[in-house]
N, C-alpha and C. Protein backbone atom coordinates (compact mmCIF):
# COMPACT_ATOMS: atom_id res chain seq x y z
N MET A 1 -1.32 5.00 -24.54
CA MET A 1 0.05 6.15 -24.77
C MET A 1 -0.06 6.57 -23.27
N ALA A 2 0.89 6.20 -22.43
CA ALA A 2 1.31 6.86 -21.10
C ALA A 2 1.12 8.32 -21.08
N ARG A 3 0.39 9.06 -20.19
CA ARG A 3 0.58 10.35 -19.85
C ARG A 3 1.46 10.88 -18.63
N THR A 4 1.91 12.16 -18.90
CA THR A 4 2.87 12.43 -18.53
C THR A 4 1.93 13.06 -16.97
N LEU A 5 2.80 13.31 -15.51
CA LEU A 5 2.03 13.43 -14.51
C LEU A 5 1.43 14.84 -14.65
N GLU A 6 2.24 15.42 -15.78
CA GLU A 6 1.30 17.08 -15.92
C GLU A 6 0.19 16.99 -16.81
N GLU A 7 -0.09 16.26 -17.50
CA GLU A 7 -1.28 15.70 -18.11
C GLU A 7 -2.21 15.25 -17.69
N LYS A 8 -1.80 14.40 -16.32
CA LYS A 8 -2.62 13.52 -15.77
C LYS A 8 -3.53 14.87 -14.73
N ILE A 9 -3.06 15.68 -14.29
CA ILE A 9 -3.20 16.79 -13.02
C ILE A 9 -4.39 17.18 -14.06
N ARG A 10 -4.10 17.82 -14.99
CA ARG A 10 -5.33 18.99 -16.20
C ARG A 10 -6.14 18.38 -16.77
N SER A 11 -5.99 16.82 -16.66
CA SER A 11 -7.13 15.52 -16.82
C SER A 11 -8.82 16.25 -16.60
N PRO A 12 -9.66 16.39 -17.50
CA PRO A 12 -10.68 16.88 -16.85
C PRO A 12 -11.88 15.96 -15.66
N LYS A 13 -11.20 14.61 -15.65
CA LYS A 13 -11.94 13.73 -14.99
C LYS A 13 -11.07 13.78 -13.93
N LEU A 14 -9.66 14.42 -13.39
CA LEU A 14 -9.60 14.11 -12.43
C LEU A 14 -10.41 15.02 -11.32
N ALA A 15 -10.12 14.89 -10.01
CA ALA A 15 -11.17 15.58 -9.26
C ALA A 15 -12.41 15.93 -9.23
N ARG A 16 -13.27 14.84 -10.50
CA ARG A 16 -14.41 15.32 -10.09
C ARG A 16 -15.38 14.76 -9.59
N ALA A 17 -16.57 15.45 -9.35
CA ALA A 17 -17.66 14.72 -8.33
C ALA A 17 -18.36 14.22 -8.79
N PHE A 18 -19.29 13.35 -8.78
CA PHE A 18 -20.53 12.34 -9.09
C PHE A 18 -21.53 12.23 -7.73
N GLY A 19 -22.73 12.15 -8.53
CA GLY A 19 -23.87 12.50 -7.22
C GLY A 19 -24.34 10.81 -7.13
N ARG A 20 -25.20 10.97 -6.60
CA ARG A 20 -25.71 9.75 -5.89
C ARG A 20 -26.34 8.49 -7.13
N GLY A 21 -26.07 7.26 -7.02
CA GLY A 21 -26.48 6.38 -7.96
C GLY A 21 -25.58 5.99 -9.32
N TYR A 22 -24.35 7.09 -9.16
CA TYR A 22 -22.96 7.21 -9.81
C TYR A 22 -22.76 5.40 -9.99
N ARG A 23 -22.25 5.43 -11.60
CA ARG A 23 -21.62 4.06 -12.04
C ARG A 23 -20.61 4.76 -13.11
N PRO A 24 -19.02 3.76 -12.85
CA PRO A 24 -18.55 4.67 -13.64
C PRO A 24 -18.75 4.05 -15.20
N PRO A 25 -18.81 4.98 -15.69
CA PRO A 25 -18.71 4.78 -17.52
C PRO A 25 -17.78 3.72 -18.24
N THR A 26 -18.04 3.30 -19.02
CA THR A 26 -17.12 2.09 -19.85
C THR A 26 -16.30 2.60 -20.84
N THR A 27 -16.76 3.75 -21.32
CA THR A 27 -16.33 4.33 -22.87
C THR A 27 -16.27 5.94 -22.55
N GLY A 28 -15.86 6.47 -23.42
CA GLY A 28 -15.81 7.70 -23.76
C GLY A 28 -14.82 8.50 -22.84
N MET A 29 -14.94 9.87 -22.60
CA MET A 29 -13.96 10.80 -21.96
C MET A 29 -13.86 10.46 -20.31
N ASP A 30 -14.79 10.25 -19.74
CA ASP A 30 -15.00 10.11 -18.73
C ASP A 30 -14.92 8.62 -18.11
N ALA A 31 -14.67 7.70 -19.07
CA ALA A 31 -14.35 6.25 -18.78
C ALA A 31 -13.54 5.75 -17.76
N LEU A 32 -14.16 5.20 -16.61
CA LEU A 32 -13.04 4.60 -15.54
C LEU A 32 -11.78 3.71 -16.26
N ALA A 33 -10.91 4.03 -16.22
CA ALA A 33 -9.42 2.52 -16.66
C ALA A 33 -10.08 1.31 -15.69
N GLU A 34 -9.56 0.37 -15.68
CA GLU A 34 -9.54 -0.87 -15.35
C GLU A 34 -8.97 -0.28 -14.12
N GLY A 35 -9.52 -0.37 -12.63
CA GLY A 35 -8.34 -0.35 -11.51
C GLY A 35 -8.41 1.35 -11.39
N GLU A 36 -8.92 2.13 -11.68
CA GLU A 36 -9.00 3.74 -11.44
C GLU A 36 -9.26 4.03 -10.09
N PRO A 37 -8.85 4.82 -8.88
CA PRO A 37 -9.35 4.68 -7.81
C PRO A 37 -10.11 5.83 -7.51
N LEU A 38 -11.05 5.61 -6.35
CA LEU A 38 -12.53 6.11 -6.27
C LEU A 38 -12.02 6.58 -4.98
N VAL A 39 -12.51 7.92 -4.43
CA VAL A 39 -12.90 8.14 -2.73
C VAL A 39 -14.06 8.16 -2.73
N VAL A 40 -14.75 7.16 -1.90
CA VAL A 40 -16.43 7.31 -1.73
C VAL A 40 -16.64 7.93 -0.25
N PHE A 41 -17.35 8.89 -0.28
CA PHE A 41 -17.85 9.33 0.69
C PHE A 41 -19.43 8.93 0.87
N PRO A 42 -19.90 9.26 2.23
CA PRO A 42 -21.74 8.94 2.42
C PRO A 42 -22.35 9.49 1.31
N ASP A 43 -22.04 10.69 0.56
CA ASP A 43 -23.32 11.41 -0.13
C ASP A 43 -22.56 11.79 -1.76
N LYS A 44 -21.19 11.01 -2.02
CA LYS A 44 -20.46 11.51 -3.18
C LYS A 44 -20.08 9.98 -3.58
N VAL A 45 -19.35 9.98 -4.98
CA VAL A 45 -17.73 9.67 -5.33
C VAL A 45 -16.98 10.72 -5.75
N LEU A 46 -15.69 10.95 -5.22
CA LEU A 46 -14.84 11.18 -6.21
C LEU A 46 -13.66 10.54 -6.86
N LEU A 47 -13.91 10.80 -8.08
CA LEU A 47 -12.51 10.28 -8.74
C LEU A 47 -11.43 11.13 -8.80
N VAL A 48 -10.08 10.35 -8.62
CA VAL A 48 -9.07 10.84 -8.52
C VAL A 48 -8.15 10.80 -9.01
N GLY A 49 -8.12 9.75 -10.13
CA GLY A 49 -6.77 10.12 -11.14
C GLY A 49 -6.68 8.37 -11.34
N SER A 50 -5.85 7.89 -12.19
CA SER A 50 -5.80 6.66 -12.67
C SER A 50 -4.96 5.82 -12.23
N GLY A 51 -4.80 4.23 -11.71
CA GLY A 51 -4.71 3.45 -10.94
C GLY A 51 -5.31 2.23 -10.99
N GLY A 52 -5.17 1.21 -9.74
CA GLY A 52 -5.42 -0.09 -10.33
C GLY A 52 -7.13 -0.14 -9.28
N GLY A 53 -8.15 -1.11 -9.42
CA GLY A 53 -9.28 -1.35 -8.80
C GLY A 53 -10.26 -1.97 -9.57
N ALA A 54 -11.52 -1.80 -9.59
CA ALA A 54 -12.52 -2.75 -10.35
C ALA A 54 -13.80 -1.53 -10.22
N TYR A 55 -14.46 -2.18 -11.15
CA TYR A 55 -15.72 -1.24 -11.25
C TYR A 55 -16.63 -1.59 -10.37
N GLN A 56 -17.60 -0.72 -9.72
CA GLN A 56 -18.71 -0.76 -8.88
C GLN A 56 -19.65 -0.01 -8.43
N THR A 57 -20.51 -0.62 -8.26
CA THR A 57 -22.31 0.32 -8.32
C THR A 57 -22.23 0.83 -6.65
N PHE A 58 -22.13 2.26 -6.57
CA PHE A 58 -22.33 2.42 -5.31
C PHE A 58 -23.92 3.13 -5.00
N ASP A 59 -23.95 2.60 -3.62
CA ASP A 59 -25.17 3.51 -2.74
C ASP A 59 -24.86 4.73 -2.27
N LEU A 60 -25.45 5.82 -2.73
CA LEU A 60 -25.02 7.17 -2.36
C LEU A 60 -26.01 8.20 -1.64
N SER A 61 -26.66 7.41 -0.98
CA SER A 61 -27.94 7.76 -0.41
C SER A 61 -27.39 8.95 0.48
N GLY A 62 -26.33 8.84 1.41
CA GLY A 62 -26.09 9.66 2.80
C GLY A 62 -27.13 10.02 2.97
N ALA A 63 -28.03 8.98 3.66
CA ALA A 63 -28.75 9.21 4.56
C ALA A 63 -28.49 8.97 6.15
N GLY A 64 -27.52 9.01 6.22
CA GLY A 64 -26.97 8.71 7.78
C GLY A 64 -26.76 7.24 7.99
N GLY A 65 -27.04 6.48 7.48
CA GLY A 65 -27.16 5.45 7.72
C GLY A 65 -25.90 4.34 8.00
N THR A 66 -26.03 3.21 7.97
CA THR A 66 -24.64 2.45 8.76
C THR A 66 -24.22 1.59 7.34
N ALA A 67 -22.75 1.59 7.42
CA ALA A 67 -21.70 0.83 6.21
C ALA A 67 -22.22 -0.55 6.01
N PRO A 68 -22.47 -1.43 5.36
CA PRO A 68 -22.33 -2.53 5.43
C PRO A 68 -21.64 -3.37 6.56
N ASP A 69 -21.83 -4.29 7.33
CA ASP A 69 -20.69 -5.29 8.01
C ASP A 69 -20.15 -6.04 7.51
N LEU A 70 -18.81 -6.34 7.42
CA LEU A 70 -17.81 -7.74 7.27
C LEU A 70 -17.87 -8.41 8.12
N THR A 71 -17.75 -9.79 8.04
CA THR A 71 -17.28 -10.74 9.24
C THR A 71 -16.36 -11.25 9.18
N ALA A 72 -15.51 -11.49 10.58
CA ALA A 72 -14.78 -12.71 10.78
C ALA A 72 -14.56 -13.02 12.37
N THR A 73 -14.06 -14.50 12.47
CA THR A 73 -13.66 -14.88 13.27
C THR A 73 -13.23 -13.90 14.80
N ALA A 74 -13.53 -14.11 15.68
CA ALA A 74 -13.16 -13.21 16.88
C ALA A 74 -11.88 -14.30 17.67
N VAL A 75 -10.67 -14.26 17.36
CA VAL A 75 -9.85 -14.86 18.09
C VAL A 75 -9.43 -14.66 19.49
N GLU A 76 -10.35 -13.81 19.68
CA GLU A 76 -9.88 -12.80 21.04
C GLU A 76 -11.74 -12.40 21.48
N PRO A 77 -11.82 -12.08 22.88
CA PRO A 77 -13.30 -11.45 23.18
C PRO A 77 -12.77 -9.65 22.48
N ILE A 78 -13.71 -9.41 21.90
CA ILE A 78 -13.88 -8.02 21.24
C ILE A 78 -14.94 -7.32 21.40
N GLY A 79 -14.85 -6.32 22.25
CA GLY A 79 -15.81 -5.18 22.72
C GLY A 79 -16.41 -4.12 21.33
N GLY A 80 -17.40 -3.87 21.82
CA GLY A 80 -18.24 -3.26 20.33
C GLY A 80 -17.74 -1.92 19.99
N GLN A 81 -17.28 -1.43 18.99
CA GLN A 81 -17.08 -0.17 18.63
C GLN A 81 -15.18 -0.09 18.92
N ARG A 82 -14.52 -0.79 18.62
CA ARG A 82 -13.51 -1.27 18.62
C ARG A 82 -12.43 -1.46 17.29
N GLY A 83 -11.18 -0.73 17.53
CA GLY A 83 -10.53 -1.20 16.71
C GLY A 83 -9.88 -2.74 15.87
N VAL A 84 -10.18 -3.34 15.02
CA VAL A 84 -9.59 -4.69 14.99
C VAL A 84 -8.69 -5.01 13.95
N ARG A 85 -8.14 -5.69 13.90
CA ARG A 85 -6.82 -6.58 12.90
C ARG A 85 -7.14 -7.65 12.54
N ALA A 86 -6.42 -7.88 11.07
CA ALA A 86 -6.17 -8.89 10.74
C ALA A 86 -5.08 -10.18 11.42
N VAL A 87 -5.74 -11.44 11.92
CA VAL A 87 -4.63 -12.05 12.55
C VAL A 87 -4.82 -13.30 12.04
N ALA A 88 -3.82 -14.65 11.85
CA ALA A 88 -4.49 -16.14 11.46
C ALA A 88 -5.88 -16.12 12.17
N GLY A 89 -6.73 -17.12 11.56
CA GLY A 89 -7.75 -17.01 11.91
C GLY A 89 -9.33 -16.32 11.98
N GLY A 90 -8.97 -14.88 11.53
CA GLY A 90 -9.84 -13.90 11.76
C GLY A 90 -9.33 -12.90 12.24
N VAL A 91 -10.10 -11.96 13.77
CA VAL A 91 -9.72 -10.42 13.69
C VAL A 91 -9.40 -10.46 15.30
N ALA A 92 -8.48 -9.80 15.87
CA ALA A 92 -8.62 -9.51 17.29
C ALA A 92 -8.46 -8.01 17.26
N LEU A 93 -8.29 -7.62 18.60
CA LEU A 93 -7.97 -6.26 18.91
C LEU A 93 -7.05 -5.22 18.14
N ALA A 94 -7.05 -4.23 17.88
CA ALA A 94 -6.03 -3.66 17.23
C ALA A 94 -5.29 -2.71 18.46
N SER A 95 -4.21 -2.31 18.76
CA SER A 95 -3.53 -1.09 19.78
C SER A 95 -2.47 -0.66 19.06
N ALA A 96 -2.97 0.83 19.21
CA ALA A 96 -1.78 1.77 18.27
C ALA A 96 -0.80 1.85 19.69
N ALA A 97 -0.53 1.30 20.61
CA ALA A 97 0.58 1.28 21.68
C ALA A 97 1.58 0.07 21.36
N ASP A 98 1.21 -1.04 20.62
CA ASP A 98 1.69 -1.95 20.22
C ASP A 98 2.37 -2.10 18.41
N LEU A 99 3.49 -2.03 18.19
CA LEU A 99 4.47 -1.71 17.15
C LEU A 99 4.36 -3.17 16.40
N SER A 100 3.83 -3.76 16.86
CA SER A 100 3.63 -5.23 16.26
C SER A 100 2.10 -5.35 15.77
N HIS A 101 1.23 -4.28 15.83
CA HIS A 101 -0.02 -3.87 15.20
C HIS A 101 0.23 -3.00 14.25
N PHE A 102 1.30 -2.60 13.69
CA PHE A 102 1.26 -1.76 12.88
C PHE A 102 1.11 -2.11 11.30
N GLY A 103 -0.37 -1.45 10.82
CA GLY A 103 -0.81 -1.76 9.51
C GLY A 103 -1.54 -3.03 9.43
N ALA A 104 -2.08 -3.81 10.40
CA ALA A 104 -2.63 -4.41 10.35
C ALA A 104 -4.11 -4.33 10.56
N LEU A 105 -4.71 -3.18 11.00
CA LEU A 105 -6.03 -2.87 10.95
C LEU A 105 -6.78 -2.84 10.10
N VAL A 106 -7.72 -3.54 10.03
CA VAL A 106 -9.15 -3.49 8.90
C VAL A 106 -10.14 -3.19 9.21
N GLY A 107 -10.82 -2.29 10.39
CA GLY A 107 -11.71 -1.78 10.99
C GLY A 107 -12.19 -1.60 11.70
N ILE A 108 -13.60 -0.77 12.47
CA ILE A 108 -14.12 -1.45 13.85
C ILE A 108 -14.98 -1.95 13.85
N SER A 109 -15.03 -2.96 14.92
CA SER A 109 -16.47 -3.87 15.81
C SER A 109 -17.60 -3.20 15.44
N THR A 110 -18.61 -3.46 15.01
CA THR A 110 -20.02 -2.69 15.62
C THR A 110 -21.03 -3.63 16.60
N GLY A 111 -20.22 -4.37 17.19
CA GLY A 111 -20.86 -5.20 18.33
C GLY A 111 -19.69 -6.03 19.00
N ALA A 112 -20.21 -6.55 20.13
CA ALA A 112 -18.95 -7.45 21.08
C ALA A 112 -19.44 -8.59 20.35
N ALA A 113 -18.14 -9.33 20.42
CA ALA A 113 -17.81 -10.68 19.76
C ALA A 113 -17.09 -11.22 20.83
N ALA A 114 -17.92 -12.63 21.48
CA ALA A 114 -16.88 -13.88 22.58
C ALA A 114 -15.75 -14.45 21.02
N ALA A 115 -14.52 -14.75 21.91
CA ALA A 115 -13.51 -15.65 21.36
C ALA A 115 -14.10 -16.92 20.38
N GLY A 116 -14.23 -16.83 19.31
CA GLY A 116 -14.65 -18.21 18.26
C GLY A 116 -15.75 -17.53 17.92
N ALA A 117 -16.56 -16.86 18.03
CA ALA A 117 -18.08 -16.10 17.54
C ALA A 117 -17.44 -15.08 16.15
N ALA A 118 -18.33 -14.87 15.49
CA ALA A 118 -18.58 -13.88 14.33
C ALA A 118 -18.70 -12.67 15.06
N CYS A 119 -17.48 -11.88 14.30
CA CYS A 119 -17.17 -10.53 14.60
C CYS A 119 -17.62 -9.52 13.86
N ALA A 120 -18.81 -8.60 13.64
CA ALA A 120 -19.12 -7.77 12.69
C ALA A 120 -18.41 -6.23 12.73
N TYR A 121 -17.90 -6.42 11.56
CA TYR A 121 -16.77 -5.18 11.59
C TYR A 121 -17.07 -4.11 10.09
N VAL A 122 -16.84 -2.92 10.19
CA VAL A 122 -16.97 -1.91 9.13
C VAL A 122 -15.80 -1.78 8.61
N ALA A 123 -14.99 -1.51 7.60
CA ALA A 123 -13.99 -1.43 6.84
C ALA A 123 -13.92 -0.06 6.53
N SER A 124 -14.97 0.65 5.83
CA SER A 124 -15.37 1.84 5.20
C SER A 124 -16.71 2.46 4.92
N GLY A 125 -16.74 3.47 5.60
CA GLY A 125 -18.41 4.11 5.40
C GLY A 125 -18.89 4.66 6.91
N PRO A 126 -19.84 5.40 6.80
CA PRO A 126 -20.61 5.64 8.17
C PRO A 126 -20.91 4.57 8.93
N ILE A 127 -21.09 4.69 10.40
CA ILE A 127 -21.21 3.73 11.60
C ILE A 127 -21.53 5.07 12.64
N SER A 128 -22.88 4.59 13.76
CA SER A 128 -23.32 5.32 14.61
C SER A 128 -22.98 4.53 15.84
N GLU A 129 -23.32 5.27 16.99
CA GLU A 129 -23.08 4.76 18.28
C GLU A 129 -24.00 5.91 19.22
N PRO A 130 -24.63 5.50 19.75
CA PRO A 130 -25.58 6.84 20.35
C PRO A 130 -24.49 7.16 21.81
N SER A 131 -23.74 6.36 22.20
CA SER A 131 -22.74 6.29 23.02
C SER A 131 -21.58 7.34 22.81
N TRP A 132 -21.28 7.72 21.86
CA TRP A 132 -20.42 8.45 21.38
C TRP A 132 -20.75 10.03 21.79
N SER A 133 -19.62 10.85 21.46
CA SER A 133 -19.93 12.17 21.74
C SER A 133 -18.64 12.88 21.44
N TRP A 134 -18.25 12.43 19.59
CA TRP A 134 -16.93 12.74 19.01
C TRP A 134 -17.13 14.04 19.11
N SER A 135 -16.52 15.02 18.81
CA SER A 135 -16.01 16.63 18.29
C SER A 135 -15.96 16.34 16.48
N PRO A 136 -16.11 17.12 15.77
CA PRO A 136 -16.10 17.22 14.42
C PRO A 136 -14.32 17.33 14.22
N GLY A 137 -13.99 15.64 13.60
CA GLY A 137 -12.99 16.19 13.13
C GLY A 137 -12.33 14.25 12.96
N PRO A 138 -11.12 14.49 12.99
CA PRO A 138 -10.48 13.36 12.85
C PRO A 138 -10.78 12.16 14.22
N VAL A 139 -10.89 10.93 13.81
CA VAL A 139 -10.85 9.79 14.83
C VAL A 139 -9.64 9.10 14.63
N LEU A 140 -9.20 8.34 15.85
CA LEU A 140 -7.53 7.69 15.89
C LEU A 140 -7.83 6.81 16.56
N LEU A 141 -7.32 5.20 16.13
CA LEU A 141 -7.13 4.58 17.21
C LEU A 141 -6.11 4.98 18.29
N GLY A 142 -6.72 4.29 19.53
CA GLY A 142 -5.86 4.14 21.03
C GLY A 142 -5.02 3.13 20.81
N ALA A 143 -5.43 2.59 22.48
CA ALA A 143 -4.96 1.47 23.01
C ALA A 143 -5.69 0.21 23.28
N ASP A 144 -5.41 -0.52 22.85
CA ASP A 144 -6.35 -1.81 23.02
C ASP A 144 -7.73 -1.99 22.34
N GLY A 145 -7.91 -1.37 20.94
CA GLY A 145 -8.92 -0.71 20.33
C GLY A 145 -9.76 -0.04 20.51
N LEU A 146 -9.52 1.00 21.31
CA LEU A 146 -10.14 2.02 22.21
C LEU A 146 -9.88 2.90 20.67
N LEU A 147 -11.22 3.72 20.45
CA LEU A 147 -11.16 5.14 19.70
C LEU A 147 -10.87 6.17 20.33
N THR A 148 -10.36 7.03 19.60
CA THR A 148 -9.96 8.50 20.62
C THR A 148 -9.99 9.43 19.29
N GLN A 149 -9.95 10.60 19.89
CA GLN A 149 -9.38 12.02 19.61
C GLN A 149 -8.51 12.52 20.18
N GLN A 150 -7.94 12.17 20.55
CA GLN A 150 -6.22 12.16 21.09
C GLN A 150 -5.13 11.89 20.94
N GLU A 151 -4.14 12.48 20.63
CA GLU A 151 -2.76 12.03 19.80
C GLU A 151 -2.38 10.92 20.73
N PRO A 152 -1.97 9.77 20.41
CA PRO A 152 -0.72 8.66 20.70
C PRO A 152 0.44 9.33 21.33
N THR A 153 1.21 8.88 22.45
CA THR A 153 2.44 9.56 22.95
C THR A 153 3.45 8.90 21.73
N ARG A 154 3.12 7.06 22.31
CA ARG A 154 3.68 6.37 21.87
C ARG A 154 3.48 5.19 21.04
N GLY A 155 4.31 4.50 20.07
CA GLY A 155 3.59 3.48 19.35
C GLY A 155 3.35 3.95 17.76
N PHE A 156 2.28 4.24 17.74
CA PHE A 156 1.59 4.57 16.00
C PHE A 156 0.68 5.48 16.06
N LEU A 157 0.46 6.50 15.12
CA LEU A 157 -0.93 7.11 14.57
C LEU A 157 -1.35 6.38 13.99
N GLN A 158 -2.87 6.31 13.91
CA GLN A 158 -3.74 5.69 12.89
C GLN A 158 -5.02 5.97 12.91
N GLN A 159 -5.64 7.42 11.84
CA GLN A 159 -6.90 7.64 11.77
C GLN A 159 -7.44 6.22 11.02
N VAL A 160 -8.24 6.40 12.07
CA VAL A 160 -9.68 5.70 11.47
C VAL A 160 -10.88 6.01 10.39
N GLY A 161 -10.88 7.67 10.87
CA GLY A 161 -12.19 8.37 10.10
C GLY A 161 -12.34 9.35 10.53
N ILE A 162 -13.50 9.94 10.15
CA ILE A 162 -13.88 11.24 10.06
C ILE A 162 -14.94 11.16 11.16
N SER A 163 -15.24 11.98 12.09
CA SER A 163 -16.31 12.66 12.86
C SER A 163 -17.47 13.38 12.37
N ASP A 164 -18.34 13.09 11.86
CA ASP A 164 -18.99 14.56 11.15
C ASP A 164 -20.59 14.85 12.03
N ALA A 165 -20.54 14.21 12.89
CA ALA A 165 -21.94 14.31 14.31
C ALA A 165 -21.64 13.67 15.44
N PRO A 166 -21.90 14.29 16.77
CA PRO A 166 -21.49 13.41 17.93
C PRO A 166 -21.77 12.25 18.20
N THR A 167 -22.55 11.23 17.56
CA THR A 167 -22.65 9.76 17.83
C THR A 167 -22.33 9.21 15.80
N ARG A 168 -21.82 9.99 15.28
CA ARG A 168 -21.45 9.03 13.81
C ARG A 168 -19.85 9.53 13.72
N LEU A 169 -19.35 8.58 12.93
CA LEU A 169 -18.24 8.64 12.43
C LEU A 169 -18.31 7.54 11.15
N VAL A 170 -17.33 8.43 10.13
CA VAL A 170 -17.22 8.03 8.71
C VAL A 170 -16.15 7.32 8.80
N VAL A 171 -15.97 5.79 8.58
CA VAL A 171 -14.71 4.85 9.02
C VAL A 171 -14.69 5.29 7.47
N GLY A 172 -12.62 5.46 7.49
CA GLY A 172 -11.84 5.90 6.48
C GLY A 172 -10.36 5.56 7.13
N ILE A 173 -9.71 4.42 7.03
CA ILE A 173 -8.34 4.27 7.75
C ILE A 173 -7.58 4.58 6.45
N LEU A 174 -6.66 5.23 7.38
CA LEU A 174 -5.58 5.70 6.41
C LEU A 174 -4.34 5.15 6.89
N PRO A 175 -3.31 5.62 6.33
CA PRO A 175 -1.98 4.48 6.51
C PRO A 175 -1.47 4.83 8.05
N PRO A 176 -0.92 3.93 8.93
CA PRO A 176 -0.23 4.22 10.25
C PRO A 176 1.18 5.08 10.35
N ILE A 177 1.41 6.00 11.10
CA ILE A 177 2.70 6.87 11.14
C ILE A 177 3.34 6.50 12.47
N LYS A 178 4.37 5.77 12.25
CA LYS A 178 5.24 5.53 13.56
C LYS A 178 5.73 6.61 14.19
N ILE A 179 5.18 6.40 15.34
CA ILE A 179 5.50 7.97 16.42
C ILE A 179 7.12 7.85 16.87
N ALA A 180 7.97 8.94 16.76
CA ALA A 180 9.54 8.52 17.09
C ALA A 180 9.71 8.80 18.85
N GLU A 181 10.53 7.82 18.91
CA GLU A 181 10.63 8.02 20.69
C GLU A 181 11.82 8.50 21.10
């Protein structure tokens, strides 16, 4: 039976936080429907509503470690800690100044990669870099894959995550917003 929006908002399983080691139950009032979305933070899982997705076990240690790396072939030289976008054959630098990169950001590189080599990147979760000196708050994609806390004046605005410490970024890519010119 379909629920109305008001019923979903009042549902006791909406916006409930779950602690370390949480695995969505398959039966009962808190059962996670096939495809129901979760928001995963370094130290908790937040069930936010009903929709699409799959069951997953989460490691929620929150110990300040790093997120698991994904890999793809670098189609051009990529520096470490840069925004990367999906392209035919692998990944390339993403630039908020180039509207052709709008919506293509897939993660943040964790190290440098030569063209044709494997490029490790993080799509979500915490990463640390000793050379960073972030202020607490949003971190954005800048020009040529650089990360910044300054809003761009042209191209598009895209948050790549939130800094919760000067040398740490919790990657959480939000949809881009085109800047009016």
